Amino acid sequence: MTEPHPNDHRICVRCTIAGHVQGVFFRATAREVALKLGIAGHARNLPDGRVEVLACGQPEAVHQLCDWLRRGPPQAQVTNVACETVELVAIAGFATG
């Protein structure tokens, strides 16, 4: 296993997004945006109608994704986004589920 480069300061943020965010390609579009930004993690529907996003990557990229989550894709109507920093997770790729 290789040690991370000293300048490789990565963070992980977990966000829950409320509003009309299921059935509007929110997860798929979040995945596209995350991959373009070099972010690993996941986007999944929650039983209460919200979407959860875990985003791990460079701080600036994660913040850009968090800004996008507040808008979402054109069909979405985001009413609330709550994000918290979580422990760094070793994860590759970006899954939807």
Foldseek 3Di string as FASTA:
>chain_A
DDDDDPVFDKWKKKKKWDFQQPPPCQQVVLQVLLVVLVWAWEWEADPVGIIMTITMGDPVSVVVSQVCSCPTDPVTDTDDMDMDTDPDDPGDGYYYD
